[in-house]
Each structure stands twice: as structure tokens, then as C-alpha cells.
Protein backbone atom coordinates (compact mmCIF):
# COMPACT_ATOMS: atom_id res chain seq x y z
CA MET A 1 69.61 -26.10 50.76
CA SER A 2 67.45 -28.53 48.95
CA PHE A 3 65.14 -29.02 51.94
CA LYS A 4 63.34 -25.68 51.51
CA PRO A 5 61.30 -26.61 48.44
CA PHE A 6 60.55 -30.03 49.94
CA SER A 7 59.37 -28.56 53.26
CA SER A 8 57.20 -25.96 51.52
CA VAL A 9 55.58 -28.69 49.37
CA LEU A 10 55.02 -30.78 52.46
CA LEU A 11 53.47 -27.80 54.23
CA LEU A 12 51.14 -27.15 51.29
CA LEU A 13 50.07 -30.82 51.24
CA LEU A 14 49.34 -30.75 54.96
CA LEU A 15 47.27 -27.57 54.60
CA ALA A 16 45.32 -29.00 51.67
CA SER A 17 44.58 -32.25 53.51
CA SER A 18 43.44 -30.37 56.64
CA PHE A 19 41.09 -28.16 54.59
CA SER A 20 39.62 -31.18 52.84
CA HIS A 21 39.27 -32.95 56.19
CA PHE A 22 37.32 -30.00 57.66
CA GLY A 23 35.17 -29.81 54.55
CA LEU A 24 34.26 -33.49 54.79
CA ALA A 25 33.59 -33.21 58.50
CA GLY A 26 30.83 -30.68 57.83
CA LYS A 27 29.14 -33.05 55.37
CA ARG A 28 29.12 -36.09 57.65
CA ARG A 29 25.82 -36.60 59.42
CA VAL A 30 24.47 -39.11 61.85
CA HIS A 31 21.12 -40.54 60.80
CA ILE A 32 18.61 -41.58 63.47
CA THR A 33 15.55 -43.34 62.16
CA ASP A 34 12.05 -42.45 63.22
CA ASP A 35 11.18 -46.10 63.69
CA LEU A 36 11.67 -46.55 67.45
CA ASP A 37 9.19 -49.37 68.05
CA ASP A 38 11.93 -51.85 68.95
CA VAL A 39 13.56 -49.47 71.46
CA PHE A 40 12.87 -50.48 75.06
CA ASP A 41 12.58 -47.58 77.49
CA ASP A 42 11.66 -48.59 81.03
CA GLU A 43 11.80 -45.02 82.40
CA GLU A 44 8.43 -44.00 80.95
CA ASP A 45 5.54 -44.21 83.36
CA ASP A 46 1.83 -43.88 82.69
CA ALA A 47 1.79 -40.15 83.43
CA TRP A 48 4.51 -39.58 80.82
CA LYS A 49 2.59 -41.59 78.22
CA GLU A 50 -0.55 -39.54 78.91
CA TRP A 51 1.30 -36.21 78.73
CA GLY A 52 0.06 -34.00 75.92
CA ARG A 53 -3.12 -35.98 75.30
CA LYS A 54 -6.42 -34.20 75.71
CA PRO A 55 -8.45 -35.59 78.60
CA ALA A 56 -11.51 -37.55 77.68
CA PRO A 57 -14.64 -35.48 78.15
CA SER A 58 -16.77 -36.39 81.13
CA PHE A 59 -20.46 -36.10 80.54
CA ALA A 60 -23.06 -35.19 83.11
CA PRO A 61 -25.50 -37.91 84.11
CA SER A 62 -28.61 -37.86 81.96
CA ASP A 63 -30.99 -38.30 84.91
CA PHE A 64 -30.50 -35.99 87.89
CA THR A 65 -33.55 -37.34 89.71
CA LYS A 66 -31.54 -40.32 90.98
CA LEU A 67 -28.88 -38.09 92.57
CA ASP A 68 -29.05 -36.46 95.98
CA PRO A 69 -28.36 -32.69 96.28
CA SER A 70 -24.72 -33.13 97.31
CA GLN A 71 -24.02 -35.30 94.23
CA ILE A 72 -25.70 -32.71 92.02
CA GLN A 73 -23.52 -29.97 93.52
CA ASP A 74 -20.41 -32.10 92.93
CA GLU A 75 -21.40 -32.52 89.27
CA MET A 76 -21.94 -28.77 88.96
CA LYS A 77 -18.52 -28.06 90.52
CA LYS A 78 -16.83 -30.30 87.95
CA ARG A 79 -18.25 -28.19 85.14
CA HIS A 80 -17.82 -24.77 86.76
CA VAL A 81 -14.95 -22.99 85.02
CA GLY A 82 -15.25 -19.41 86.20
CA PRO A 83 -14.29 -17.65 89.39
CA LEU A 84 -15.79 -18.63 92.72
CA ILE A 85 -16.72 -16.19 95.47
CA GLY A 86 -17.05 -17.12 99.12
CA PHE A 87 -16.65 -15.83 102.66
CA VAL A 88 -14.48 -16.78 105.61
CA LYS A 89 -15.98 -16.15 109.03
CA LEU A 90 -13.35 -15.38 111.64
CA ARG A 91 -13.59 -16.63 115.22
CA LEU A 92 -16.08 -14.59 117.23
CA GLY A 93 -15.33 -13.18 120.67
CA THR A 94 -11.90 -11.87 119.64
CA ARG A 95 -11.29 -8.13 119.45
CA ARG A 96 -9.74 -7.04 116.16
CA THR A 97 -8.93 -3.81 114.41
CA PRO A 98 -9.61 -3.15 110.73
CA ASP A 99 -5.84 -3.25 110.13
CA THR A 100 -5.60 -6.71 111.67
CA VAL A 101 -8.30 -8.14 109.41
CA ALA A 102 -6.71 -6.48 106.37
CA GLU A 103 -3.37 -8.04 107.35
CA PHE A 104 -4.98 -11.50 107.52
CA ALA A 105 -6.43 -11.00 104.02
CA MET A 106 -3.15 -9.76 102.58
CA LYS A 107 -1.09 -12.52 104.22
CA TRP A 108 -3.43 -15.30 103.07
CA THR A 109 -3.46 -13.94 99.51
CA GLN A 110 0.33 -13.79 99.35
CA VAL A 111 0.85 -17.26 100.83
CA LEU A 112 -1.63 -18.94 98.48
CA ARG A 113 -0.36 -17.06 95.42
CA THR A 114 3.15 -18.26 96.31
CA GLY A 115 1.69 -21.77 96.13
CA ALA A 116 0.25 -20.99 92.65
CA VAL A 117 -3.37 -20.71 93.84
CA GLY A 118 -5.09 -17.78 92.14
CA VAL A 119 -7.12 -16.27 94.98
CA ARG A 120 -7.63 -12.83 96.46
CA PHE A 121 -8.88 -12.17 99.98
CA MET A 122 -10.56 -8.90 100.96
CA ALA A 123 -11.67 -7.75 104.40
CA VAL A 124 -15.43 -7.09 104.61
CA ASP A 125 -15.91 -6.37 108.31
CA LEU A 126 -14.14 -7.22 111.56
CA SER A 127 -15.23 -10.87 111.45
CA THR A 128 -15.63 -11.60 107.71
CA ILE A 129 -13.16 -11.93 104.85
CA MET A 130 -14.37 -12.38 101.28
CA PHE A 131 -12.36 -14.38 98.74
CA ASN A 132 -12.40 -14.60 94.96
CA LEU A 133 -10.98 -17.91 93.69
CA GLU A 134 -9.97 -17.82 90.02
CA ASN A 135 -10.30 -21.54 89.33
CA THR A 136 -12.38 -24.13 91.16
CA LYS A 137 -9.71 -26.81 90.75
CA ASP A 138 -7.87 -25.11 93.63
CA LEU A 139 -10.89 -25.26 95.95
CA GLU A 140 -9.65 -28.15 98.11
CA GLU A 141 -6.27 -26.50 98.62
CA LEU A 142 -7.99 -23.24 99.56
CA LYS A 143 -10.27 -24.98 102.10
CA ASP A 144 -7.35 -26.87 103.66
CA PHE A 145 -5.28 -23.70 103.96
CA VAL A 146 -8.02 -21.49 105.42
CA LEU A 147 -9.18 -24.07 107.95
CA ASP A 148 -5.55 -24.48 109.10
CA GLN A 149 -5.48 -20.79 110.09
CA PRO A 150 -6.26 -20.28 113.80
CA GLU A 151 -8.20 -17.06 113.05
CA ALA A 152 -10.67 -18.73 110.65
CA TYR A 153 -13.82 -20.44 111.90
CA GLU A 154 -15.80 -21.42 108.81
CA ILE A 155 -15.97 -21.00 105.03
CA LYS A 156 -19.26 -20.21 103.30
CA MET A 157 -19.80 -20.67 99.57
CA GLY A 158 -23.39 -20.33 98.47
CA ASP A 159 -25.41 -22.54 100.81
CA GLN A 160 -22.43 -24.73 101.76
CA PHE A 161 -20.49 -24.33 105.01
CA PHE A 162 -17.09 -25.86 105.75
CA ARG A 163 -15.57 -25.96 109.23
CA ARG A 164 -13.15 -28.10 111.16
CA PRO A 165 -14.50 -31.50 112.25
CA GLY A 166 -16.26 -31.19 115.59
CA ASP A 167 -16.83 -27.41 115.45
CA PRO A 168 -20.44 -26.38 116.12
CA PRO A 169 -22.38 -24.20 113.65
CA LEU A 170 -21.86 -20.45 113.91
CA ASP A 171 -25.38 -19.91 115.32
CA GLU A 172 -24.53 -22.10 118.32
CA VAL A 173 -21.32 -20.13 118.91
CA ILE A 174 -23.29 -16.87 118.85
CA GLU A 175 -25.83 -18.27 121.32
CA SER A 176 -23.09 -19.41 123.70
CA LEU A 177 -21.45 -15.95 123.49
CA ASN A 178 -24.85 -14.40 124.28
CA SER A 179 -25.32 -16.60 127.33
CA GLN A 180 -21.77 -15.92 128.57
CA LYS A 181 -22.25 -12.17 128.39
CA GLY A 182 -25.59 -12.37 130.22
CA LYS A 183 -27.54 -10.87 127.33
CA PRO A 184 -31.21 -11.72 126.83
CA ASP A 185 -31.97 -14.56 124.41
CA ASN A 186 -33.78 -12.23 122.00
CA ALA A 187 -30.56 -10.29 121.28
CA GLY A 188 -29.73 -10.57 117.61
CA PRO A 189 -26.34 -11.56 116.25
CA GLU A 190 -25.68 -7.88 115.50
CA GLU A 191 -25.83 -7.08 119.20
CA THR A 192 -23.71 -10.04 120.25
CA ASP A 193 -20.39 -8.70 119.14
CA LEU A 194 -19.75 -5.18 117.91
CA ASN A 195 -16.92 -6.55 115.78
CA VAL A 196 -19.35 -8.48 113.58
CA LYS A 197 -21.07 -5.57 111.85
CA THR A 198 -18.32 -2.97 111.73
CA GLU A 199 -17.69 -2.62 108.01
CA LEU A 200 -14.24 -1.77 106.73
């Protein structure tokens, strides 16, 4: 059988060529140049082009005398980077238990944290919930959420009050509750509703 040596030589040649083929395959590389100026990419939008760039610093106005107090507060809010503390006043005239107010605080905290807003609500008394907002950039989202809750009446942060459009100030609500209950006009807000001053 003269085919045995021929077939073994052929087998050796095939093995050698396959090994050399695999060896060359590892050395082949595709070269992509870094010069991509002539490449047209219409999928990039302005937000993508700005991604990764540091925002330009915004400077405070040099003369605050030309600004009204609300504009000054807006400028201060832009530069405030720490936590913000405020209070939510619940609707008066509604009987609540300490557990109910604590449930409101816990529910609001969980819902806003699910939406990536770093805030914590804590019950103070039967008509007040305190909040601690970690970053002021989430302030608008916090105000929108709280004022959408049927239990909330107004938000107080410093000397600013936020309520739904058309709602009267809290003092007027207390006066109307006084007149409805037939109490004398000199009754203080503490006497209006026992829920107001019961601390938790």
C-alpha cells in the first residue's frame, strides 16, 4: 500500500498549514485611525456634545441693590449646596392619630426616594411634618409632590410659604375654624385644634 506514506505526508502538511494559519490570524489587526473629523454622525444631539464638559460657572450679580427680595432669594438658592430643612402643614380640622402622621411621613419618604429625591420626612406633631432635603436641585420636585398630596396644606421653608393656587393663608383657615366652632375671637391657634400642638 503505497498510499499510507502519501496520506500521512498530506496529513502533516494540512496540520502545518492550519497551525500557521492560526498563528497568522492572531497577528492580523484592524487599524482604526483617531482622525474622525471627516466622519458624519447625525445621531449626536447638543446634549451628547455637552456630556462630560464642566458647566460654566455662574457668577452672582455684583450689585444686589437693584434686585428685589425674591430675586435675591433665587440667587441664594442657586448657590446653596447643603441640605434644606422645611415643614409641611397638614390640613386643619381633620382628626389624626400619631400613627397616621408617621405613616404619611414614611410613605412620602419612600415614594420620593424611589424617584431618586434624597429627602426624609419626620412627624413633628399631629398637623406638622418636618422634611430634610439633601440637595436643593430637587426642591421643585419636592414641592410638586407634597402639594399633590390631599393631606398637605402648605410648605414652609424659612420665611417662604408654598400652597396650592387659590388656597388662603393658614391664619385665615384657623380663623374660619374658630368661627365655625363658635369660639371667641381671642382664642389662640393652640386652642383652635387640639391636634395642632400634640407633639409626637
